[in-house]
Amino acid sequence: MIRFEDEADAVRIANGTLYSLVAGVWSADIGRVHRVARDLKAGTVWINTYGYTDVRLPWGG
């Protein structure tokens, strides 16, 4: 957990990491999670969950 002041601060902290591969956003406010998810520079953004992957999706590198 990292404390943040507002949405912009949370996005600044998250986007300030070196890799930004995945992110998770939790909130009961669906508009908020969509705004934050849109602004995150991450390959995968989970909303109100973390680590879930549908095994039917293509996977690999």
N, C-alpha and C. Protein backbone atom coordinates (compact mmCIF):
# COMPACT_ATOMS: atom_id res chain seq x y z
N MET A 1 0.83 -1.17 0.00
CA MET A 1 0.00 0.00 0.00
C MET A 1 0.88 1.24 0.00
N ILE A 2 0.50 2.18 -0.82
CA ILE A 2 1.15 3.49 -0.86
C ILE A 2 0.04 4.53 -0.77
N ARG A 3 0.17 5.43 0.17
CA ARG A 3 -0.82 6.49 0.32
C ARG A 3 -0.73 7.47 -0.85
N PHE A 4 -1.88 8.02 -1.23
CA PHE A 4 -1.92 9.04 -2.28
C PHE A 4 -2.98 10.06 -1.91
N GLU A 5 -2.87 11.24 -2.48
CA GLU A 5 -3.77 12.35 -2.16
C GLU A 5 -5.06 12.32 -2.99
N ASP A 6 -4.94 12.03 -4.27
CA ASP A 6 -6.09 12.04 -5.17
C ASP A 6 -5.78 11.16 -6.38
N GLU A 7 -6.70 11.09 -7.32
CA GLU A 7 -6.50 10.23 -8.50
C GLU A 7 -5.22 10.59 -9.25
N ALA A 8 -4.99 11.86 -9.45
CA ALA A 8 -3.80 12.29 -10.20
C ALA A 8 -2.52 11.85 -9.49
N ASP A 9 -2.50 11.94 -8.18
CA ASP A 9 -1.33 11.52 -7.41
C ASP A 9 -1.14 10.01 -7.53
N ALA A 10 -2.22 9.25 -7.46
CA ALA A 10 -2.13 7.79 -7.59
C ALA A 10 -1.58 7.40 -8.96
N VAL A 11 -2.06 8.05 -10.00
CA VAL A 11 -1.59 7.76 -11.36
C VAL A 11 -0.13 8.15 -11.50
N ARG A 12 0.26 9.29 -10.92
CA ARG A 12 1.66 9.73 -10.98
C ARG A 12 2.58 8.71 -10.32
N ILE A 13 2.17 8.21 -9.16
CA ILE A 13 2.97 7.21 -8.45
C ILE A 13 3.07 5.91 -9.28
N ALA A 14 1.93 5.45 -9.76
CA ALA A 14 1.91 4.19 -10.52
C ALA A 14 2.72 4.30 -11.81
N ASN A 15 2.59 5.41 -12.51
CA ASN A 15 3.31 5.58 -13.77
C ASN A 15 4.78 5.91 -13.56
N GLY A 16 5.17 6.18 -12.33
CA GLY A 16 6.56 6.49 -12.03
C GLY A 16 7.43 5.26 -11.79
N THR A 17 6.87 4.07 -12.00
CA THR A 17 7.66 2.85 -11.83
C THR A 17 8.42 2.54 -13.11
N LEU A 18 9.41 1.69 -12.98
CA LEU A 18 10.27 1.38 -14.13
C LEU A 18 9.58 0.50 -15.17
N TYR A 19 8.77 -0.48 -14.73
CA TYR A 19 8.24 -1.46 -15.67
C TYR A 19 6.78 -1.27 -16.05
N SER A 20 5.91 -1.00 -15.10
CA SER A 20 4.49 -0.76 -15.37
C SER A 20 3.84 -1.88 -16.19
N LEU A 21 4.08 -3.12 -15.81
CA LEU A 21 3.53 -4.24 -16.56
C LEU A 21 2.06 -4.47 -16.26
N VAL A 22 1.68 -4.43 -14.98
CA VAL A 22 0.29 -4.66 -14.59
C VAL A 22 -0.09 -3.68 -13.48
N ALA A 23 -1.40 -3.50 -13.33
CA ALA A 23 -1.91 -2.62 -12.28
C ALA A 23 -3.27 -3.14 -11.82
N GLY A 24 -3.64 -2.82 -10.61
CA GLY A 24 -4.95 -3.14 -10.09
C GLY A 24 -5.57 -1.90 -9.49
N VAL A 25 -6.84 -1.65 -9.80
CA VAL A 25 -7.54 -0.47 -9.31
C VAL A 25 -8.80 -0.95 -8.60
N TRP A 26 -8.99 -0.49 -7.37
CA TRP A 26 -10.16 -0.87 -6.59
C TRP A 26 -10.97 0.37 -6.24
N SER A 27 -12.28 0.30 -6.47
CA SER A 27 -13.20 1.36 -6.05
C SER A 27 -14.62 0.90 -6.32
N ALA A 28 -15.55 1.42 -5.54
CA ALA A 28 -16.97 1.17 -5.80
C ALA A 28 -17.49 2.12 -6.88
N ASP A 29 -16.70 3.14 -7.19
CA ASP A 29 -17.07 4.16 -8.18
C ASP A 29 -16.53 3.73 -9.54
N ILE A 30 -17.40 3.16 -10.38
CA ILE A 30 -16.95 2.61 -11.67
C ILE A 30 -16.38 3.69 -12.58
N GLY A 31 -16.90 4.90 -12.50
CA GLY A 31 -16.34 5.99 -13.29
C GLY A 31 -14.91 6.28 -12.90
N ARG A 32 -14.64 6.24 -11.61
CA ARG A 32 -13.29 6.48 -11.11
C ARG A 32 -12.33 5.42 -11.61
N VAL A 33 -12.69 4.15 -11.51
CA VAL A 33 -11.76 3.10 -11.95
C VAL A 33 -11.50 3.18 -13.45
N HIS A 34 -12.49 3.56 -14.21
CA HIS A 34 -12.27 3.70 -15.66
C HIS A 34 -11.36 4.88 -15.96
N ARG A 35 -11.52 5.99 -15.26
CA ARG A 35 -10.63 7.14 -15.46
C ARG A 35 -9.19 6.78 -15.12
N VAL A 36 -9.01 6.17 -13.96
CA VAL A 36 -7.66 5.81 -13.52
C VAL A 36 -7.06 4.76 -14.45
N ALA A 37 -7.82 3.73 -14.79
CA ALA A 37 -7.31 2.68 -15.68
C ALA A 37 -6.89 3.26 -17.02
N ARG A 38 -7.65 4.20 -17.54
CA ARG A 38 -7.32 4.83 -18.83
C ARG A 38 -5.98 5.56 -18.76
N ASP A 39 -5.69 6.17 -17.61
CA ASP A 39 -4.48 6.99 -17.48
C ASP A 39 -3.24 6.20 -17.08
N LEU A 40 -3.41 4.96 -16.65
CA LEU A 40 -2.25 4.17 -16.24
C LEU A 40 -1.49 3.66 -17.46
N LYS A 41 -0.19 3.71 -17.36
CA LYS A 41 0.67 3.17 -18.42
C LYS A 41 1.08 1.77 -18.00
N ALA A 42 0.18 0.82 -18.25
CA ALA A 42 0.43 -0.57 -17.87
C ALA A 42 -0.14 -1.48 -18.94
N GLY A 43 0.48 -2.61 -19.11
CA GLY A 43 0.02 -3.56 -20.12
C GLY A 43 -1.33 -4.18 -19.79
N THR A 44 -1.56 -4.44 -18.51
CA THR A 44 -2.82 -5.01 -18.04
C THR A 44 -3.29 -4.22 -16.83
N VAL A 45 -4.55 -3.86 -16.81
CA VAL A 45 -5.13 -3.18 -15.64
C VAL A 45 -6.34 -3.99 -15.20
N TRP A 46 -6.27 -4.54 -13.98
CA TRP A 46 -7.40 -5.26 -13.40
C TRP A 46 -8.24 -4.30 -12.59
N ILE A 47 -9.54 -4.45 -12.66
CA ILE A 47 -10.46 -3.59 -11.91
C ILE A 47 -11.17 -4.45 -10.86
N ASN A 48 -11.00 -4.05 -9.61
CA ASN A 48 -11.60 -4.71 -8.45
C ASN A 48 -11.24 -6.19 -8.35
N THR A 49 -10.09 -6.53 -8.87
CA THR A 49 -9.51 -7.86 -8.73
C THR A 49 -8.04 -7.73 -9.08
N TYR A 50 -7.28 -8.79 -8.87
CA TYR A 50 -5.87 -8.73 -9.24
C TYR A 50 -5.39 -10.14 -9.55
N GLY A 51 -4.75 -10.29 -10.68
CA GLY A 51 -4.15 -11.56 -11.04
C GLY A 51 -5.03 -12.50 -11.83
N TYR A 52 -6.30 -12.14 -12.02
CA TYR A 52 -7.19 -13.02 -12.77
C TYR A 52 -6.82 -13.00 -14.24
N THR A 53 -6.70 -14.17 -14.83
CA THR A 53 -6.44 -14.30 -16.26
C THR A 53 -7.29 -15.45 -16.79
N ASP A 54 -7.99 -15.20 -17.85
CA ASP A 54 -8.77 -16.25 -18.50
C ASP A 54 -7.81 -17.15 -19.26
N VAL A 55 -7.78 -18.42 -18.93
CA VAL A 55 -6.83 -19.34 -19.54
C VAL A 55 -7.07 -19.54 -21.04
N ARG A 56 -8.20 -19.08 -21.55
CA ARG A 56 -8.46 -19.20 -22.98
C ARG A 56 -7.79 -18.10 -23.80
N LEU A 57 -7.24 -17.09 -23.13
CA LEU A 57 -6.60 -15.99 -23.83
C LEU A 57 -5.19 -16.37 -24.27
N PRO A 58 -4.71 -15.79 -25.38
CA PRO A 58 -3.34 -16.05 -25.81
C PRO A 58 -2.35 -15.59 -24.73
N TRP A 59 -1.30 -16.32 -24.53
CA TRP A 59 -0.33 -15.99 -23.49
C TRP A 59 1.05 -16.37 -23.97
N GLY A 60 2.00 -15.54 -23.71
CA GLY A 60 3.37 -15.89 -24.09
C GLY A 60 4.17 -14.64 -24.39
N GLY A 61 5.39 -14.82 -24.77
CA GLY A 61 6.21 -13.65 -24.96
C GLY A 61 7.23 -13.81 -25.99
